[in-house]
Amino acid sequence: MTKQKQVGAVDRRGFLKSIGGVGVAAATVAGLGSAPVEAAESEADKRKARYRETDHVKAYYRTNRY
């Protein structure tokens, strides 16, 4: 009986390992093809001013006494 339990345990472990391997492979394949490629930031975009002192920024400064 001991031999039968060990064989069943090995089969169960092998099954769980194969499920894990299939999941990792599926996630890898899904991640490779579906990700959109982002355009690189141009020099003009890097140099343009991004900070704008809007009403909510002024309210933040006023609240925090900057």
PDB file of N, CA and C in Angstrom:
ATOM      1  N   MET A   1       0.807  -1.194   0.000  1.00  0.00           N
ATOM      2  CA  MET A   1       0.000   0.000   0.000  1.00  0.00           C
ATOM      3  C   MET A   1       0.854   1.264   0.000  1.00  0.00           C
ATOM      4  N   THR A   2       1.972   1.210   0.636  1.00  0.00           N
ATOM      5  CA  THR A   2       2.834   2.381   0.676  1.00  0.00           C
ATOM      6  C   THR A   2       3.295   2.756  -0.721  1.00  0.00           C
ATOM      7  N   LYS A   3       3.587   1.755  -1.527  1.00  0.00           N
ATOM      8  CA  LYS A   3       4.052   2.013  -2.880  1.00  0.00           C
ATOM      9  C   LYS A   3       2.963   2.695  -3.710  1.00  0.00           C
ATOM     10  N   GLN A   4       1.730   2.304  -3.539  1.00  0.00           N
ATOM     11  CA  GLN A   4       0.634   2.912  -4.288  1.00  0.00           C
ATOM     12  C   GLN A   4       0.450   4.378  -3.900  1.00  0.00           C
ATOM     13  N   LYS A   5       0.567   4.710  -2.639  1.00  0.00           N
ATOM     14  CA  LYS A   5       0.411   6.094  -2.211  1.00  0.00           C
ATOM     15  C   LYS A   5       1.528   6.961  -2.778  1.00  0.00           C
ATOM     16  N   GLN A   6       2.746   6.441  -2.808  1.00  0.00           N
ATOM     17  CA  GLN A   6       3.863   7.213  -3.339  1.00  0.00           C
ATOM     18  C   GLN A   6       3.685   7.471  -4.831  1.00  0.00           C
ATOM     19  N   VAL A   7       3.223   6.486  -5.563  1.00  0.00           N
ATOM     20  CA  VAL A   7       3.014   6.656  -6.992  1.00  0.00           C
ATOM     21  C   VAL A   7       1.939   7.706  -7.232  1.00  0.00           C
ATOM     22  N   GLY A   8       0.871   7.687  -6.472  1.00  0.00           N
ATOM     23  CA  GLY A   8      -0.193   8.676  -6.602  1.00  0.00           C
ATOM     24  C   GLY A   8       0.306  10.072  -6.276  1.00  0.00           C
ATOM     25  N   ALA A   9       1.166  10.190  -5.280  1.00  0.00           N
ATOM     26  CA  ALA A   9       1.707  11.492  -4.897  1.00  0.00           C
ATOM     27  C   ALA A   9       2.596  12.048  -6.001  1.00  0.00           C
ATOM     28  N   VAL A  10       3.374  11.205  -6.621  1.00  0.00           N
ATOM     29  CA  VAL A  10       4.238  11.653  -7.708  1.00  0.00           C
ATOM     30  C   VAL A  10       3.392  12.099  -8.892  1.00  0.00           C
ATOM     31  N   ASP A  11       2.347  11.364  -9.194  1.00  0.00           N
ATOM     32  CA  ASP A  11       1.471  11.743 -10.298  1.00  0.00           C
ATOM     33  C   ASP A  11       0.799  13.087 -10.028  1.00  0.00           C
ATOM     34  N   ARG A  12       0.376  13.296  -8.812  1.00  0.00           N
ATOM     35  CA  ARG A  12      -0.274  14.549  -8.455  1.00  0.00           C
ATOM     36  C   ARG A  12       0.712  15.713  -8.585  1.00  0.00           C
ATOM     37  N   ARG A  13       1.925  15.503  -8.127  1.00  0.00           N
ATOM     38  CA  ARG A  13       2.946  16.554  -8.238  1.00  0.00           C
ATOM     39  C   ARG A  13       3.268  16.860  -9.696  1.00  0.00           C
ATOM     40  N   GLY A  14       3.389  15.836 -10.488  1.00  0.00           N
ATOM     41  CA  GLY A  14       3.659  16.039 -11.911  1.00  0.00           C
ATOM     42  C   GLY A  14       2.535  16.790 -12.599  1.00  0.00           C
ATOM     43  N   PHE A  15       1.308  16.469 -12.227  1.00  0.00           N
ATOM     44  CA  PHE A  15       0.152  17.155 -12.795  1.00  0.00           C
ATOM     45  C   PHE A  15       0.171  18.637 -12.420  1.00  0.00           C
ATOM     46  N   LEU A  16       0.432  18.940 -11.165  1.00  0.00           N
ATOM     47  CA  LEU A  16       0.459  20.336 -10.724  1.00  0.00           C
ATOM     48  C   LEU A  16       1.613  21.105 -11.370  1.00  0.00           C
ATOM     49  N   LYS A  17       2.744  20.457 -11.545  1.00  0.00           N
ATOM     50  CA  LYS A  17       3.872  21.111 -12.226  1.00  0.00           C
ATOM     51  C   LYS A  17       3.526  21.428 -13.675  1.00  0.00           C
ATOM     52  N   SER A  18       2.850  20.497 -14.331  1.00  0.00           N
ATOM     53  CA  SER A  18       2.499  20.732 -15.736  1.00  0.00           C
ATOM     54  C   SER A  18       1.475  21.853 -15.862  1.00  0.00           C
ATOM     55  N   ILE A  19       0.535  21.938 -14.934  1.00  0.00           N
ATOM     56  CA  ILE A  19      -0.439  23.035 -14.962  1.00  0.00           C
ATOM     57  C   ILE A  19       0.277  24.368 -14.780  1.00  0.00           C
ATOM     58  N   GLY A  20       1.224  24.421 -13.851  1.00  0.00           N
ATOM     59  CA  GLY A  20       1.985  25.652 -13.637  1.00  0.00           C
ATOM     60  C   GLY A  20       2.797  26.037 -14.857  1.00  0.00           C
ATOM     61  N   GLY A  21       3.403  25.072 -15.497  1.00  0.00           N
ATOM     62  CA  GLY A  21       4.192  25.348 -16.703  1.00  0.00           C
ATOM     63  C   GLY A  21       3.337  25.848 -17.849  1.00  0.00           C
ATOM     64  N   VAL A  22       2.161  25.279 -18.002  1.00  0.00           N
ATOM     65  CA  VAL A  22       1.249  25.716 -19.062  1.00  0.00           C
ATOM     66  C   VAL A  22       0.787  27.143 -18.789  1.00  0.00           C
ATOM     67  N   GLY A  23       0.514  27.469 -17.540  1.00  0.00           N
ATOM     68  CA  GLY A  23       0.078  28.823 -17.192  1.00  0.00           C
ATOM     69  C   GLY A  23       1.141  29.860 -17.476  1.00  0.00           C
ATOM     70  N   VAL A  24       2.377  29.553 -17.136  1.00  0.00           N
ATOM     71  CA  VAL A  24       3.484  30.480 -17.399  1.00  0.00           C
ATOM     72  C   VAL A  24       3.687  30.653 -18.900  1.00  0.00           C
ATOM     73  N   ALA A  25       3.626  29.575 -19.638  1.00  0.00           N
ATOM     74  CA  ALA A  25       3.805  29.658 -21.092  1.00  0.00           C
ATOM     75  C   ALA A  25       2.685  30.471 -21.735  1.00  0.00           C
ATOM     76  N   ALA A  26       1.464  30.283 -21.285  1.00  0.00           N
ATOM     77  CA  ALA A  26       0.337  31.033 -21.848  1.00  0.00           C
ATOM     78  C   ALA A  26       0.463  32.520 -21.537  1.00  0.00           C
ATOM     79  N   ALA A  27       0.890  32.849 -20.331  1.00  0.00           N
ATOM     80  CA  ALA A  27       1.055  34.256 -19.965  1.00  0.00           C
ATOM     81  C   ALA A  27       2.169  34.901 -20.775  1.00  0.00           C
ATOM     82  N   THR A  28       3.225  34.165 -21.031  1.00  0.00           N
ATOM     83  CA  THR A  28       4.337  34.697 -21.818  1.00  0.00           C
ATOM     84  C   THR A  28       3.911  34.959 -23.258  1.00  0.00           C
ATOM     85  N   VAL A  29       3.228  34.022 -23.855  1.00  0.00           N
ATOM     86  CA  VAL A  29       2.779  34.180 -25.240  1.00  0.00           C
ATOM     87  C   VAL A  29       1.770  35.316 -25.343  1.00  0.00           C
ATOM     88  N   ALA A  30       0.858  35.419 -24.398  1.00  0.00           N
ATOM     89  CA  ALA A  30      -0.155  36.480 -24.426  1.00  0.00           C
ATOM     90  C   ALA A  30       0.494  37.847 -24.256  1.00  0.00           C
ATOM     91  N   GLY A  31       1.532  37.933 -23.451  1.00  0.00           N
ATOM     92  CA  GLY A  31       2.192  39.208 -23.212  1.00  0.00           C
ATOM     93  C   GLY A  31       3.034  39.673 -24.378  1.00  0.00           C
ATOM     94  N   LEU A  32       3.528  38.777 -25.186  1.00  0.00           N
ATOM     95  CA  LEU A  32       4.402  39.162 -26.289  1.00  0.00           C
ATOM     96  C   LEU A  32       3.650  39.816 -27.436  1.00  0.00           C
ATOM     97  N   GLY A  33       2.493  39.322 -27.774  1.00  0.00           N
ATOM     98  CA  GLY A  33       1.804  39.801 -28.959  1.00  0.00           C
ATOM     99  C   GLY A  33       0.816  40.920 -28.729  1.00  0.00           C
ATOM    100  N   SER A  34       0.326  41.103 -27.522  1.00  0.00           N
ATOM    101  CA  SER A  34      -0.776  42.034 -27.322  1.00  0.00           C
ATOM    102  C   SER A  34      -0.352  43.408 -26.815  1.00  0.00           C
ATOM    103  N   ALA A  35       0.889  43.606 -26.459  1.00  0.00           N
ATOM    104  CA  ALA A  35       1.320  44.888 -25.906  1.00  0.00           C
ATOM    105  C   ALA A  35       1.512  45.909 -27.020  1.00  0.00           C
ATOM    106  N   PRO A  36       0.820  47.049 -26.935  1.00  0.00           N
ATOM    107  CA  PRO A  36       1.017  48.091 -27.953  1.00  0.00           C
ATOM    108  C   PRO A  36       2.378  48.764 -27.776  1.00  0.00           C
ATOM    109  N   VAL A  37       2.950  49.151 -28.872  1.00  0.00           N
ATOM    110  CA  VAL A  37       4.259  49.793 -28.839  1.00  0.00           C
ATOM    111  C   VAL A  37       4.051  51.291 -28.679  1.00  0.00           C
ATOM    112  N   GLU A  38       4.712  51.868 -27.679  1.00  0.00           N
ATOM    113  CA  GLU A  38       4.582  53.302 -27.445  1.00  0.00           C
ATOM    114  C   GLU A  38       5.596  54.053 -28.291  1.00  0.00           C
ATOM    115  N   ALA A  39       5.179  55.198 -28.789  1.00  0.00           N
ATOM    116  CA  ALA A  39       6.087  56.033 -29.570  1.00  0.00           C
ATOM    117  C   ALA A  39       7.086  56.695 -28.626  1.00  0.00           C
ATOM    118  N   ALA A  40       8.297  56.831 -29.092  1.00  0.00           N
ATOM    119  CA  ALA A  40       9.322  57.482 -28.285  1.00  0.00           C
ATOM    120  C   ALA A  40       9.007  58.965 -28.175  1.00  0.00           C
ATOM    121  N   GLU A  41       9.378  59.552 -27.062  1.00  0.00           N
ATOM    122  CA  GLU A  41       9.126  60.969 -26.844  1.00  0.00           C
ATOM    123  C   GLU A  41      10.083  61.786 -27.702  1.00  0.00           C
ATOM    124  N   SER A  42       9.533  62.702 -28.474  1.00  0.00           N
ATOM    125  CA  SER A  42      10.366  63.506 -29.367  1.00  0.00           C
ATOM    126  C   SER A  42      11.081  64.601 -28.575  1.00  0.00           C
ATOM    127  N   GLU A  43      12.057  65.230 -29.209  1.00  0.00           N
ATOM    128  CA  GLU A  43      12.809  66.307 -28.557  1.00  0.00           C
ATOM    129  C   GLU A  43      11.900  67.480 -28.207  1.00  0.00           C
ATOM    130  N   ALA A  44      10.937  67.777 -29.070  1.00  0.00           N
ATOM    131  CA  ALA A  44      10.013  68.879 -28.794  1.00  0.00           C
ATOM    132  C   ALA A  44       9.166  68.570 -27.556  1.00  0.00           C
ATOM    133  N   ASP A  45       8.740  67.317 -27.413  1.00  0.00           N
ATOM    134  CA  ASP A  45       7.955  66.936 -26.243  1.00  0.00           C
ATOM    135  C   ASP A  45       8.789  66.984 -24.971  1.00  0.00           C
ATOM    136  N   LYS A  46      10.065  66.665 -25.079  1.00  0.00           N
ATOM    137  CA  LYS A  46      10.933  66.696 -23.907  1.00  0.00           C
ATOM    138  C   LYS A  46      11.166  68.118 -23.416  1.00  0.00           C
ATOM    139  N   ARG A  47      11.178  69.068 -24.310  1.00  0.00           N
ATOM    140  CA  ARG A  47      11.520  70.442 -23.955  1.00  0.00           C
ATOM    141  C   ARG A  47      10.324  71.310 -23.601  1.00  0.00           C
ATOM    142  N   LYS A  48       9.128  70.916 -23.978  1.00  0.00           N
ATOM    143  CA  LYS A  48       7.979  71.783 -23.727  1.00  0.00           C
ATOM    144  C   LYS A  48       7.657  71.820 -22.231  1.00  0.00           C
ATOM    145  N   ALA A  49       7.089  72.927 -21.812  1.00  0.00           N
ATOM    146  CA  ALA A  49       6.749  73.111 -20.406  1.00  0.00           C
ATOM    147  C   ALA A  49       5.568  72.220 -20.040  1.00  0.00           C
ATOM    148  N   ARG A  50       5.690  71.503 -18.959  1.00  0.00           N
ATOM    149  CA  ARG A  50       4.624  70.609 -18.534  1.00  0.00           C
ATOM    150  C   ARG A  50       3.888  71.142 -17.314  1.00  0.00           C
ATOM    151  N   TYR A  51       4.524  71.996 -16.576  1.00  0.00           N
ATOM    152  CA  TYR A  51       3.923  72.516 -15.355  1.00  0.00           C
ATOM    153  C   TYR A  51       3.008  73.679 -15.687  1.00  0.00           C
ATOM    154  N   ARG A  52       1.815  73.615 -15.155  1.00  0.00           N
ATOM    155  CA  ARG A  52       0.865  74.715 -15.329  1.00  0.00           C
ATOM    156  C   ARG A  52       0.273  75.032 -13.972  1.00  0.00           C
ATOM    157  N   GLU A  53       0.290  76.291 -13.626  1.00  0.00           N
ATOM    158  CA  GLU A  53      -0.253  76.696 -12.337  1.00  0.00           C
ATOM    159  C   GLU A  53      -1.752  76.950 -12.499  1.00  0.00           C
ATOM    160  N   THR A  54      -2.520  75.898 -12.319  1.00  0.00           N
ATOM    161  CA  THR A  54      -3.968  75.977 -12.473  1.00  0.00           C
ATOM    162  C   THR A  54      -4.610  76.282 -11.120  1.00  0.00           C
ATOM    163  N   ASP A  55      -5.922  76.405 -11.115  1.00  0.00           N
ATOM    164  CA  ASP A  55      -6.636  76.744  -9.884  1.00  0.00           C
ATOM    165  C   ASP A  55      -6.446  75.691  -8.795  1.00  0.00           C
ATOM    166  N   HIS A  56      -6.461  74.418  -9.172  1.00  0.00           N
ATOM    167  CA  HIS A  56      -6.302  73.398  -8.131  1.00  0.00           C
ATOM    168  C   HIS A  56      -4.875  73.368  -7.584  1.00  0.00           C
ATOM    169  N   VAL A  57      -3.892  73.731  -8.395  1.00  0.00           N
ATOM    170  CA  VAL A  57      -2.516  73.820  -7.906  1.00  0.00           C
ATOM    171  C   VAL A  57      -2.394  75.004  -6.950  1.00  0.00           C
ATOM    172  N   LYS A  58      -2.998  76.118  -7.301  1.00  0.00           N
ATOM    173  CA  LYS A  58      -2.983  77.286  -6.415  1.00  0.00           C
ATOM    174  C   LYS A  58      -3.676  76.975  -5.090  1.00  0.00           C
ATOM    175  N   ALA A  59      -4.764  76.223  -5.143  1.00  0.00           N
ATOM    176  CA  ALA A  59      -5.460  75.833  -3.914  1.00  0.00           C
ATOM    177  C   ALA A  59      -4.577  74.932  -3.058  1.00  0.00           C
ATOM    178  N   TYR A  60      -3.840  74.048  -3.679  1.00  0.00           N
ATOM    179  CA  TYR A  60      -2.907  73.182  -2.949  1.00  0.00           C
ATOM    180  C   TYR A  60      -1.832  74.015  -2.265  1.00  0.00           C
ATOM    181  N   TYR A  61      -1.255  74.947  -2.986  1.00  0.00           N
ATOM    182  CA  TYR A  61      -0.240  75.819  -2.406  1.00  0.00           C
ATOM    183  C   TYR A  61      -0.817  76.630  -1.247  1.00  0.00           C
ATOM    184  N   ARG A  62      -2.010  77.134  -1.423  1.00  0.00           N
ATOM    185  CA  ARG A  62      -2.652  77.940  -0.394  1.00  0.00           C
ATOM    186  C   ARG A  62      -2.925  77.081   0.844  1.00  0.00           C
ATOM    187  N   THR A  63      -3.383  75.853   0.649  1.00  0.00           N
ATOM    188  CA  THR A  63      -3.686  74.962   1.764  1.00  0.00           C
ATOM    189  C   THR A  63      -2.430  74.582   2.537  1.00  0.00           C
ATOM    190  N   ASN A  64      -1.355  74.349   1.843  1.00  0.00           N
ATOM    191  CA  ASN A  64      -0.114  73.907   2.482  1.00  0.00           C
ATOM    192  C   ASN A  64       0.857  75.041   2.762  1.00  0.00           C
ATOM    193  N   ARG A  65       0.436  76.263   2.527  1.00  0.00           N
ATOM    194  CA  ARG A  65       1.195  77.472   2.838  1.00  0.00           C
ATOM    195  C   ARG A  65       2.555  77.509   2.150  1.00  0.00           C
ATOM    196  N   TYR A  66       2.557  77.240   0.873  1.00  0.00           N
ATOM    197  CA  TYR A  66       3.790  77.343   0.096  1.00  0.00           C
ATOM    198  C   TYR A  66       3.931  78.723  -0.457  1.00  0.00           C
TER     199      TYR A  66
END
